[in-house]
């Protein structure tokens, strides 16, 4: 029961943080939605920051697994896998519950570079960029670092653009731009 309650609190908090924002979601709202007490919440998460960091950890694992699924579906060609990352994010955006990237959202809410939440968001971003760089290197790109940064910017921009205005097809457009960048980087 203990582990289930801890997971339940985290699941409820994650839903609220993602749908309503981290700073606007107070501990009281999490407690009420989870049907528990502050004492129980604080037993597992000593502070709201601890709960937010757990939310980001959960979001990271979920997003990484989602991307890996698309990489697997793309087969063994790293070039196709690079484009599959755009497909993964495009499908995420198609979900009616889409509210942007949880890491971009957290970074926007906690802009202080000393914040553990900002640092966690930055670590996710760097890990994601490293994945793109690795795929680019395996795809035969002569200088994968700049390409990985360009692709990451395309994805982040498309995510924010779709968050601001739904139905823009920004990720499809970003994917088309990525195809051009990848082809150019291979020449």
N, C-alpha and C. Protein backbone atom coordinates (compact mmCIF):
# COMPACT_ATOMS: atom_id res chain seq x y z
N UNK A 1 0.82 -1.21 0.00
CA UNK A 1 0.00 0.00 0.00
C UNK A 1 0.86 1.26 0.00
N UNK A 2 1.98 1.22 0.73
CA UNK A 2 2.84 2.38 0.83
C UNK A 2 3.35 2.80 -0.54
N UNK A 3 3.89 1.84 -1.29
CA UNK A 3 4.43 2.14 -2.62
C UNK A 3 3.32 2.62 -3.55
N UNK A 4 2.15 2.01 -3.46
CA UNK A 4 1.03 2.43 -4.30
C UNK A 4 0.61 3.86 -4.00
N UNK A 5 0.60 4.25 -2.74
CA UNK A 5 0.23 5.61 -2.37
C UNK A 5 1.27 6.61 -2.90
N UNK A 6 2.53 6.26 -2.76
CA UNK A 6 3.60 7.13 -3.26
C UNK A 6 3.45 7.32 -4.78
N UNK A 7 3.23 6.24 -5.50
CA UNK A 7 3.04 6.32 -6.96
C UNK A 7 1.77 7.09 -7.30
N UNK A 8 0.72 6.87 -6.53
CA UNK A 8 -0.54 7.57 -6.78
C UNK A 8 -0.35 9.08 -6.61
N UNK A 9 0.31 9.48 -5.55
CA UNK A 9 0.57 10.91 -5.33
C UNK A 9 1.38 11.48 -6.50
N UNK A 10 2.42 10.76 -6.91
CA UNK A 10 3.25 11.24 -8.02
C UNK A 10 2.45 11.31 -9.31
N UNK A 11 1.64 10.31 -9.59
CA UNK A 11 0.83 10.33 -10.82
C UNK A 11 -0.13 11.51 -10.84
N UNK A 12 -0.79 11.75 -9.72
CA UNK A 12 -1.73 12.87 -9.63
C UNK A 12 -0.98 14.19 -9.76
N UNK A 13 0.13 14.33 -9.06
CA UNK A 13 0.91 15.56 -9.13
C UNK A 13 1.41 15.80 -10.55
N UNK A 14 1.88 14.74 -11.21
CA UNK A 14 2.39 14.88 -12.58
C UNK A 14 1.29 15.36 -13.52
N UNK A 15 0.11 14.80 -13.39
CA UNK A 15 -1.01 15.25 -14.22
C UNK A 15 -1.32 16.72 -13.99
N UNK A 16 -1.36 17.12 -12.73
CA UNK A 16 -1.65 18.52 -12.41
C UNK A 16 -0.54 19.46 -12.85
N UNK A 17 0.70 19.08 -12.60
CA UNK A 17 1.83 19.92 -13.01
C UNK A 17 1.83 20.12 -14.52
N UNK A 18 1.56 19.05 -15.25
CA UNK A 18 1.59 19.13 -16.71
C UNK A 18 0.41 19.92 -17.26
N UNK A 19 -0.77 19.69 -16.72
CA UNK A 19 -1.96 20.33 -17.27
C UNK A 19 -2.18 21.75 -16.78
N UNK A 20 -1.72 22.05 -15.53
CA UNK A 20 -2.02 23.36 -14.96
C UNK A 20 -0.79 24.22 -14.69
N UNK A 21 0.38 23.61 -14.76
CA UNK A 21 1.60 24.34 -14.44
C UNK A 21 2.10 23.95 -13.06
N UNK A 22 3.39 24.03 -12.88
CA UNK A 22 3.99 23.61 -11.61
C UNK A 22 3.74 24.64 -10.52
N UNK A 23 4.03 25.89 -10.82
CA UNK A 23 3.90 26.92 -9.79
C UNK A 23 2.45 27.18 -9.40
N UNK A 24 1.54 27.01 -10.34
CA UNK A 24 0.13 27.26 -10.02
C UNK A 24 -0.52 26.09 -9.30
N UNK A 25 0.14 24.94 -9.29
CA UNK A 25 -0.39 23.77 -8.60
C UNK A 25 0.23 23.68 -7.22
N UNK A 26 -0.55 23.98 -6.21
CA UNK A 26 -0.06 23.91 -4.84
C UNK A 26 -0.16 22.51 -4.27
N UNK A 27 0.52 22.33 -3.18
CA UNK A 27 0.49 21.05 -2.47
C UNK A 27 -0.93 20.71 -2.05
N UNK A 28 -1.69 21.70 -1.64
CA UNK A 28 -3.09 21.45 -1.23
C UNK A 28 -3.90 20.85 -2.38
N UNK A 29 -3.67 21.35 -3.60
CA UNK A 29 -4.40 20.82 -4.77
C UNK A 29 -4.00 19.37 -5.03
N UNK A 30 -2.70 19.05 -4.87
CA UNK A 30 -2.24 17.67 -5.07
C UNK A 30 -2.86 16.76 -4.03
N UNK A 31 -2.84 17.20 -2.78
CA UNK A 31 -3.39 16.40 -1.69
C UNK A 31 -4.88 16.13 -1.92
N UNK A 32 -5.60 17.17 -2.29
CA UNK A 32 -7.04 17.02 -2.52
C UNK A 32 -7.31 16.07 -3.68
N UNK A 33 -6.62 16.28 -4.80
CA UNK A 33 -6.84 15.44 -5.98
C UNK A 33 -6.42 13.99 -5.74
N UNK A 34 -5.40 13.80 -4.91
CA UNK A 34 -4.92 12.44 -4.62
C UNK A 34 -5.75 11.76 -3.53
N UNK A 35 -6.58 12.53 -2.86
CA UNK A 35 -7.39 11.96 -1.78
C UNK A 35 -6.53 11.48 -0.62
N UNK A 36 -5.51 12.26 -0.29
CA UNK A 36 -4.61 11.87 0.80
C UNK A 36 -4.42 13.06 1.74
N UNK A 37 -3.41 13.00 2.55
CA UNK A 37 -3.12 14.08 3.50
C UNK A 37 -1.75 14.68 3.21
N UNK A 38 -1.54 15.90 3.72
CA UNK A 38 -0.23 16.52 3.57
C UNK A 38 0.85 15.67 4.24
N UNK A 39 0.49 15.09 5.36
CA UNK A 39 1.44 14.26 6.10
C UNK A 39 1.92 13.09 5.22
N UNK A 40 1.00 12.48 4.52
CA UNK A 40 1.38 11.38 3.63
C UNK A 40 2.22 11.87 2.48
N UNK A 41 1.83 12.98 1.88
CA UNK A 41 2.61 13.53 0.77
C UNK A 41 4.03 13.83 1.22
N UNK A 42 4.16 14.53 2.35
CA UNK A 42 5.49 14.92 2.83
C UNK A 42 6.31 13.73 3.33
N UNK A 43 5.65 12.63 3.63
CA UNK A 43 6.38 11.42 4.02
C UNK A 43 7.23 10.93 2.84
N UNK A 44 6.66 11.01 1.64
CA UNK A 44 7.34 10.52 0.44
C UNK A 44 8.13 11.62 -0.28
N UNK A 45 7.62 12.83 -0.21
CA UNK A 45 8.24 13.97 -0.90
C UNK A 45 8.36 15.11 0.12
N UNK A 46 9.54 15.24 0.75
CA UNK A 46 9.71 16.20 1.85
C UNK A 46 9.44 17.67 1.48
N UNK A 47 9.50 17.99 0.19
CA UNK A 47 9.19 19.35 -0.24
C UNK A 47 8.51 19.30 -1.60
N UNK A 48 7.91 20.40 -1.99
CA UNK A 48 7.29 20.47 -3.31
C UNK A 48 8.36 20.29 -4.39
N UNK A 49 9.56 20.85 -4.16
CA UNK A 49 10.64 20.66 -5.14
C UNK A 49 10.96 19.19 -5.33
N UNK A 50 10.95 18.41 -4.24
CA UNK A 50 11.19 16.97 -4.36
C UNK A 50 10.11 16.31 -5.21
N UNK A 51 8.89 16.74 -5.04
CA UNK A 51 7.78 16.21 -5.84
C UNK A 51 7.93 16.60 -7.31
N UNK A 52 8.34 17.84 -7.55
CA UNK A 52 8.55 18.30 -8.93
C UNK A 52 9.69 17.52 -9.58
N UNK A 53 10.77 17.31 -8.85
CA UNK A 53 11.90 16.55 -9.39
C UNK A 53 11.50 15.10 -9.69
N UNK A 54 10.66 14.53 -8.85
CA UNK A 54 10.16 13.17 -9.11
C UNK A 54 9.28 13.18 -10.36
N UNK A 55 8.48 14.21 -10.51
CA UNK A 55 7.65 14.38 -11.72
C UNK A 55 8.53 14.45 -12.96
N UNK A 56 9.61 15.22 -12.91
CA UNK A 56 10.49 15.33 -14.06
C UNK A 56 11.22 14.02 -14.35
N UNK A 57 11.58 13.31 -13.31
CA UNK A 57 12.23 12.01 -13.49
C UNK A 57 11.27 11.04 -14.17
N UNK A 58 10.04 11.05 -13.73
CA UNK A 58 9.01 10.20 -14.34
C UNK A 58 8.78 10.61 -15.80
N UNK A 59 8.72 11.91 -16.05
CA UNK A 59 8.52 12.42 -17.41
C UNK A 59 9.68 12.03 -18.31
N UNK A 60 10.89 12.09 -17.77
CA UNK A 60 12.08 11.72 -18.55
C UNK A 60 12.00 10.24 -18.97
N UNK A 61 11.71 9.37 -18.01
CA UNK A 61 11.63 7.94 -18.32
C UNK A 61 10.53 7.66 -19.34
N UNK A 62 9.41 8.30 -19.18
CA UNK A 62 8.28 8.10 -20.09
C UNK A 62 8.62 8.59 -21.50
N UNK A 63 9.23 9.76 -21.60
CA UNK A 63 9.58 10.32 -22.90
C UNK A 63 10.70 9.53 -23.57
N UNK A 64 11.68 9.10 -22.80
CA UNK A 64 12.76 8.29 -23.37
C UNK A 64 12.21 6.96 -23.92
N UNK A 65 11.32 6.33 -23.18
CA UNK A 65 10.73 5.07 -23.64
C UNK A 65 9.91 5.30 -24.91
N UNK A 66 9.20 6.40 -24.96
CA UNK A 66 8.38 6.74 -26.12
C UNK A 66 9.27 6.93 -27.35
N UNK A 67 10.35 7.68 -27.19
CA UNK A 67 11.27 7.90 -28.30
C UNK A 67 11.92 6.59 -28.74
N UNK A 68 12.33 5.77 -27.77
CA UNK A 68 12.95 4.48 -28.10
C UNK A 68 12.01 3.60 -28.91
N UNK A 69 10.73 3.67 -28.61
CA UNK A 69 9.75 2.89 -29.38
C UNK A 69 9.77 3.32 -30.85
N UNK A 70 9.84 4.61 -31.10
CA UNK A 70 9.88 5.11 -32.47
C UNK A 70 11.20 4.78 -33.15
N UNK A 71 12.30 4.81 -32.40
CA UNK A 71 13.59 4.44 -32.96
C UNK A 71 13.57 2.97 -33.39
N UNK A 72 12.97 2.13 -32.55
CA UNK A 72 12.86 0.71 -32.87
C UNK A 72 12.04 0.50 -34.13
N UNK A 73 10.91 1.19 -34.22
CA UNK A 73 10.03 1.06 -35.39
C UNK A 73 10.72 1.50 -36.68
N UNK A 74 11.67 2.45 -36.56
CA UNK A 74 12.35 2.99 -37.74
C UNK A 74 13.39 2.02 -38.31
N UNK A 75 13.68 0.96 -37.57
CA UNK A 75 14.67 -0.01 -38.05
C UNK A 75 16.08 0.39 -37.63
N UNK A 76 17.03 -0.11 -38.36
CA UNK A 76 18.43 0.06 -37.96
C UNK A 76 19.13 1.22 -38.65
N UNK A 77 18.48 1.87 -39.60
CA UNK A 77 19.10 3.00 -40.31
C UNK A 77 19.06 4.24 -39.43
N UNK A 78 20.23 4.75 -38.99
CA UNK A 78 20.27 5.92 -38.10
C UNK A 78 19.65 7.17 -38.72
N UNK A 79 19.73 7.31 -40.04
CA UNK A 79 19.09 8.46 -40.69
C UNK A 79 17.58 8.42 -40.55
N UNK A 80 17.02 7.25 -40.73
CA UNK A 80 15.57 7.09 -40.53
C UNK A 80 15.21 7.28 -39.06
N UNK A 81 16.10 6.83 -38.18
CA UNK A 81 15.85 7.01 -36.75
C UNK A 81 15.83 8.49 -36.36
N UNK A 82 16.73 9.28 -36.95
CA UNK A 82 16.72 10.72 -36.67
C UNK A 82 15.37 11.33 -37.02
N UNK A 83 14.84 10.95 -38.16
CA UNK A 83 13.54 11.49 -38.58
C UNK A 83 12.41 10.90 -37.74
N UNK A 84 12.59 9.69 -37.25
CA UNK A 84 11.57 9.07 -36.40
C UNK A 84 11.38 9.84 -35.10
N UNK A 85 12.42 10.51 -34.64
CA UNK A 85 12.29 11.33 -33.43
C UNK A 85 11.25 12.43 -33.69
N UNK A 86 11.28 13.02 -34.86
CA UNK A 86 10.29 14.04 -35.21
C UNK A 86 8.89 13.44 -35.27
N UNK A 87 8.79 12.21 -35.78
CA UNK A 87 7.50 11.53 -35.82
C UNK A 87 6.96 11.29 -34.41
N UNK A 88 7.85 10.92 -33.50
CA UNK A 88 7.43 10.68 -32.12
C UNK A 88 6.84 11.95 -31.51
N UNK A 89 7.55 13.05 -31.68
CA UNK A 89 7.05 14.31 -31.11
C UNK A 89 5.80 14.79 -31.84
N UNK A 90 5.71 14.52 -33.13
CA UNK A 90 4.49 14.88 -33.86
C UNK A 90 3.29 14.14 -33.33
N UNK A 91 3.47 12.86 -33.01
CA UNK A 91 2.35 12.09 -32.45
C UNK A 91 2.01 12.56 -31.04
N UNK A 92 3.01 12.94 -30.27
CA UNK A 92 2.72 13.49 -28.93
C UNK A 92 1.86 14.75 -29.04
N UNK A 93 2.19 15.57 -30.01
CA UNK A 93 1.44 16.82 -30.19
C UNK A 93 0.00 16.59 -30.64
N UNK A 94 -0.25 15.47 -31.27
CA UNK A 94 -1.59 15.17 -31.75
C UNK A 94 -2.55 14.81 -30.62
N UNK A 95 -2.00 14.47 -29.47
CA UNK A 95 -2.82 14.12 -28.31
C UNK A 95 -3.55 15.37 -27.82
N UNK A 96 -4.88 15.29 -27.61
CA UNK A 96 -5.62 16.46 -27.13
C UNK A 96 -5.12 16.98 -25.77
N UNK A 97 -4.47 16.12 -24.99
CA UNK A 97 -3.96 16.54 -23.68
C UNK A 97 -2.58 17.21 -23.78
N UNK A 98 -2.04 17.37 -24.99
CA UNK A 98 -0.72 17.97 -25.17
C UNK A 98 -0.68 19.38 -24.60
N UNK A 99 0.30 19.62 -23.75
CA UNK A 99 0.51 20.93 -23.13
C UNK A 99 1.97 21.35 -23.25
N UNK A 100 2.66 20.84 -24.26
CA UNK A 100 4.05 21.19 -24.44
C UNK A 100 4.98 20.17 -23.84
N UNK A 101 6.25 20.50 -23.88
CA UNK A 101 7.28 19.63 -23.31
C UNK A 101 7.38 19.91 -21.82
N UNK A 102 7.30 18.88 -20.97
CA UNK A 102 7.37 19.13 -19.53
C UNK A 102 8.69 19.77 -19.11
N UNK A 103 9.75 19.55 -19.87
CA UNK A 103 11.05 20.11 -19.51
C UNK A 103 11.17 21.57 -19.94
N UNK A 104 10.64 21.89 -21.10
CA UNK A 104 10.61 23.30 -21.52
C UNK A 104 9.71 24.08 -20.56
N UNK A 105 8.56 23.50 -20.22
CA UNK A 105 7.65 24.16 -19.29
C UNK A 105 8.30 24.40 -17.94
N UNK A 106 8.98 23.38 -17.41
CA UNK A 106 9.64 23.52 -16.11
C UNK A 106 10.75 24.56 -16.17
N UNK A 107 11.52 24.56 -17.25
CA UNK A 107 12.60 25.54 -17.40
C UNK A 107 12.05 26.95 -17.46
N UNK A 108 10.90 27.12 -18.09
CA UNK A 108 10.28 28.45 -18.17
C UNK A 108 9.78 28.91 -16.81
N UNK A 109 9.26 27.98 -16.02
CA UNK A 109 8.73 28.34 -14.70
C UNK A 109 9.83 28.56 -13.66
N UNK A 110 10.95 27.88 -13.83
CA UNK A 110 12.06 27.97 -12.89
C UNK A 110 13.30 28.42 -13.64
N UNK A 111 13.34 29.70 -13.97
CA UNK A 111 14.38 30.24 -14.85
C UNK A 111 15.73 30.43 -14.16
N UNK A 112 15.78 30.42 -12.85
CA UNK A 112 17.04 30.60 -12.14
C UNK A 112 17.97 29.43 -12.42
N UNK A 113 19.15 29.71 -12.95
CA UNK A 113 20.08 28.63 -13.33
C UNK A 113 20.55 27.81 -12.14
N UNK A 114 20.41 28.32 -10.93
CA UNK A 114 20.79 27.57 -9.74
C UNK A 114 19.70 26.63 -9.23
N UNK A 115 18.53 26.72 -9.82
CA UNK A 115 17.41 25.89 -9.38
C UNK A 115 17.65 24.44 -9.78
N UNK A 116 17.44 23.50 -8.85
CA UNK A 116 17.57 22.08 -9.21
C UNK A 116 16.59 21.67 -10.31
N UNK A 117 15.46 22.35 -10.38
CA UNK A 117 14.47 22.05 -11.40
C UNK A 117 14.98 22.51 -12.77
N UNK A 118 15.56 23.70 -12.81
CA UNK A 118 16.16 24.21 -14.05
C UNK A 118 17.32 23.30 -14.49
N UNK A 119 18.12 22.88 -13.54
CA UNK A 119 19.25 22.00 -13.85
C UNK A 119 18.78 20.65 -14.39
N UNK A 120 17.72 20.11 -13.82
CA UNK A 120 17.17 18.84 -14.29
C UNK A 120 16.63 18.99 -15.71
N UNK A 121 15.97 20.09 -15.99
CA UNK A 121 15.47 20.34 -17.35
C UNK A 121 16.64 20.47 -18.32
N UNK A 122 17.69 21.16 -17.91
CA UNK A 122 18.87 21.32 -18.77
C UNK A 122 19.57 19.99 -19.00
N UNK A 123 19.62 19.14 -17.99
CA UNK A 123 20.23 17.81 -18.14
C UNK A 123 19.43 16.97 -19.15
N UNK A 124 18.12 17.06 -19.08
CA UNK A 124 17.31 16.33 -20.06
C UNK A 124 17.62 16.84 -21.46
N UNK A 125 17.66 18.15 -21.62
CA UNK A 125 17.93 18.75 -22.92
C UNK A 125 19.29 18.29 -23.46
N UNK A 126 20.29 18.27 -22.61
CA UNK A 126 21.62 17.85 -23.03
C UNK A 126 21.65 16.36 -23.39
N UNK A 127 20.97 15.54 -22.62
CA UNK A 127 20.88 14.11 -22.92
C UNK A 127 20.16 13.86 -24.24
N UNK A 128 19.12 14.62 -24.49
CA UNK A 128 18.37 14.50 -25.73
C UNK A 128 19.24 14.91 -26.92
N UNK A 129 19.95 16.01 -26.77
CA UNK A 129 20.84 16.45 -27.83
C UNK A 129 21.95 15.43 -28.09
N UNK A 130 22.45 14.80 -27.03
CA UNK A 130 23.47 13.76 -27.18
C UNK A 130 22.93 12.56 -27.96
N UNK A 131 21.68 12.21 -27.73
CA UNK A 131 21.05 11.13 -28.51
C UNK A 131 21.03 11.51 -29.99
N UNK A 132 20.62 12.73 -30.28
CA UNK A 132 20.59 13.18 -31.67
C UNK A 132 21.99 13.18 -32.29
N UNK A 133 22.98 13.60 -31.52
CA UNK A 133 24.36 13.63 -31.99
C UNK A 133 24.85 12.22 -32.30
N UNK A 134 24.53 11.28 -31.42
CA UNK A 134 24.94 9.88 -31.63
C UNK A 134 24.29 9.32 -32.90
N UNK A 135 23.01 9.57 -33.07
CA UNK A 135 22.32 9.10 -34.27
C UNK A 135 22.91 9.75 -35.52
N UNK A 136 23.22 11.03 -35.45
CA UNK A 136 23.80 11.74 -36.59
C UNK A 136 25.16 11.17 -36.95
N UNK A 137 25.98 10.89 -35.94
CA UNK A 137 27.31 10.31 -36.19
C UNK A 137 27.17 8.94 -36.86
N UNK A 138 26.24 8.14 -36.36
CA UNK A 138 26.03 6.81 -36.96
C UNK A 138 25.42 6.89 -38.35
N UNK A 139 24.76 8.03 -38.65
CA UNK A 139 24.16 8.23 -39.98
C UNK A 139 25.18 8.75 -40.98
N UNK A 140 26.42 8.93 -40.55
CA UNK A 140 27.47 9.36 -41.47
C UNK A 140 27.60 10.85 -41.63
N UNK A 141 27.06 11.61 -40.69
CA UNK A 141 27.20 13.06 -40.73
C UNK A 141 28.63 13.42 -40.36
N UNK A 142 29.25 14.29 -41.13
CA UNK A 142 30.66 14.60 -40.92
C UNK A 142 30.91 15.37 -39.62
N UNK A 143 29.98 16.20 -39.19
CA UNK A 143 30.15 16.96 -37.94
C UNK A 143 28.82 16.91 -37.19
N UNK A 144 28.61 15.88 -36.37
CA UNK A 144 27.29 15.66 -35.78
C UNK A 144 26.86 16.67 -34.71
N UNK A 145 27.81 17.32 -34.05
CA UNK A 145 27.43 18.24 -32.97
C UNK A 145 26.57 19.41 -33.45
N UNK A 146 27.01 20.16 -34.47
CA UNK A 146 26.15 21.26 -34.92
C UNK A 146 24.78 20.78 -35.41
N UNK A 147 24.77 19.65 -36.12
CA UNK A 147 23.50 19.13 -36.61
C UNK A 147 22.58 18.76 -35.44
N UNK A 148 23.13 18.14 -34.42
CA UNK A 148 22.29 17.76 -33.27
C UNK A 148 21.68 18.99 -32.61
N UNK A 149 22.43 20.07 -32.55
CA UNK A 149 21.89 21.32 -31.97
C UNK A 149 20.80 21.90 -32.86
N UNK A 150 21.01 21.85 -34.17
CA UNK A 150 20.00 22.35 -35.09
C UNK A 150 18.71 21.54 -35.00
N UNK A 151 18.84 20.22 -34.96
CA UNK A 151 17.66 19.36 -34.87
C UNK A 151 16.93 19.56 -33.55
N UNK A 152 17.68 19.69 -32.47
CA UNK A 152 17.06 19.93 -31.16
C UNK A 152 16.31 21.26 -31.15
N UNK A 153 16.88 22.28 -31.80
CA UNK A 153 16.19 23.57 -31.87
C UNK A 153 14.91 23.47 -32.70
N UNK A 154 14.97 22.71 -33.78
CA UNK A 154 13.76 22.53 -34.59
C UNK A 154 12.65 21.87 -33.78
N UNK A 155 13.02 20.84 -33.03
CA UNK A 155 12.02 20.13 -32.23
C UNK A 155 11.47 21.03 -31.13
N UNK A 156 12.36 21.72 -30.41
CA UNK A 156 11.91 22.60 -29.32
C UNK A 156 11.01 23.71 -29.87
N UNK A 157 11.41 24.30 -30.98
CA UNK A 157 10.60 25.36 -31.57
C UNK A 157 9.24 24.86 -32.01
N UNK A 158 9.21 23.68 -32.61
CA UNK A 158 7.94 23.10 -33.05
C UNK A 158 7.05 22.77 -31.85
N UNK A 159 7.67 22.30 -30.76
CA UNK A 159 6.90 21.98 -29.56
C UNK A 159 6.26 23.25 -28.99
N UNK A 160 7.05 24.29 -28.85
CA UNK A 160 6.53 25.54 -28.28
C UNK A 160 5.49 26.15 -29.23
N UNK A 161 5.76 26.13 -30.52
CA UNK A 161 4.81 26.68 -31.48
C UNK A 161 3.46 25.98 -31.43
N UNK A 162 3.49 24.65 -31.30
CA UNK A 162 2.24 23.90 -31.22
C UNK A 162 1.53 24.15 -29.89
N UNK A 163 2.31 24.34 -28.84
CA UNK A 163 1.72 24.63 -27.54
C UNK A 163 0.99 25.98 -27.57
N UNK A 164 1.57 26.92 -28.27
CA UNK A 164 0.98 28.26 -28.33
C UNK A 164 -0.23 28.33 -29.24
N UNK A 165 -0.18 27.54 -30.30
CA UNK A 165 -1.31 27.53 -31.25
C UNK A 165 -1.43 26.14 -31.83
N UNK A 166 -2.50 25.48 -31.47
CA UNK A 166 -2.73 24.09 -31.89
C UNK A 166 -3.04 24.01 -33.38
N UNK A 167 -2.66 22.85 -33.97
CA UNK A 167 -2.99 22.57 -35.35
C UNK A 167 -2.09 23.26 -36.37
N UNK A 168 -0.90 23.64 -35.96
CA UNK A 168 0.00 24.38 -36.86
C UNK A 168 0.83 23.47 -37.76
N UNK A 169 0.89 22.19 -37.46
CA UNK A 169 1.72 21.24 -38.18
C UNK A 169 3.20 21.62 -38.13
N UNK A 170 3.59 22.29 -37.06
CA UNK A 170 4.98 22.71 -36.91
C UNK A 170 5.96 21.54 -36.92
N UNK A 171 5.58 20.41 -36.32
CA UNK A 171 6.53 19.30 -36.27
C UNK A 171 6.72 18.69 -37.66
N UNK A 172 5.68 18.65 -38.46
CA UNK A 172 5.83 18.17 -39.84
C UNK A 172 6.78 19.09 -40.61
N UNK A 173 6.62 20.38 -40.43
CA UNK A 173 7.50 21.35 -41.09
C UNK A 173 8.93 21.23 -40.56
N UNK A 174 9.06 21.01 -39.26
CA UNK A 174 10.39 20.82 -38.68
C UNK A 174 11.04 19.56 -39.23
N UNK A 175 10.27 18.52 -39.42
CA UNK A 175 10.80 17.27 -39.98
C UNK A 175 11.29 17.50 -41.40
N UNK A 176 10.52 18.26 -42.19
CA UNK A 176 10.95 18.57 -43.55
C UNK A 176 12.27 19.34 -43.55
N UNK A 177 12.40 20.30 -42.65
CA UNK A 177 13.65 21.05 -42.53
C UNK A 177 14.79 20.12 -42.09
N UNK A 178 14.48 19.19 -41.21
CA UNK A 178 15.49 18.24 -40.74
C UNK A 178 16.01 17.38 -41.88
N UNK A 179 15.12 16.95 -42.76
CA UNK A 179 15.55 16.16 -43.92
C UNK A 179 16.58 16.93 -44.75
N UNK A 180 16.36 18.21 -44.94
CA UNK A 180 17.29 19.04 -45.70
C UNK A 180 18.61 19.17 -44.96
N UNK A 181 18.54 19.44 -43.66
CA UNK A 181 19.77 19.59 -42.86
C UNK A 181 20.58 18.30 -42.82
N UNK A 182 19.91 17.18 -42.66
CA UNK A 182 20.61 15.89 -42.60
C UNK A 182 21.28 15.60 -43.94
N UNK A 183 20.56 15.82 -45.03
CA UNK A 183 21.14 15.58 -46.35
C UNK A 183 22.34 16.48 -46.59
N UNK A 184 22.23 17.72 -46.19
CA UNK A 184 23.33 18.67 -46.36
C UNK A 184 24.54 18.29 -45.52
N UNK A 185 24.28 17.81 -44.30
CA UNK A 185 25.36 17.45 -43.39
C UNK A 185 26.07 16.17 -43.82
N UNK A 186 25.40 15.36 -44.64
CA UNK A 186 26.01 14.12 -45.14
C UNK A 186 26.90 14.36 -46.36
N UNK A 187 26.66 15.46 -47.10
CA UNK A 187 27.42 15.75 -48.32
C UNK A 187 28.87 16.06 -48.01
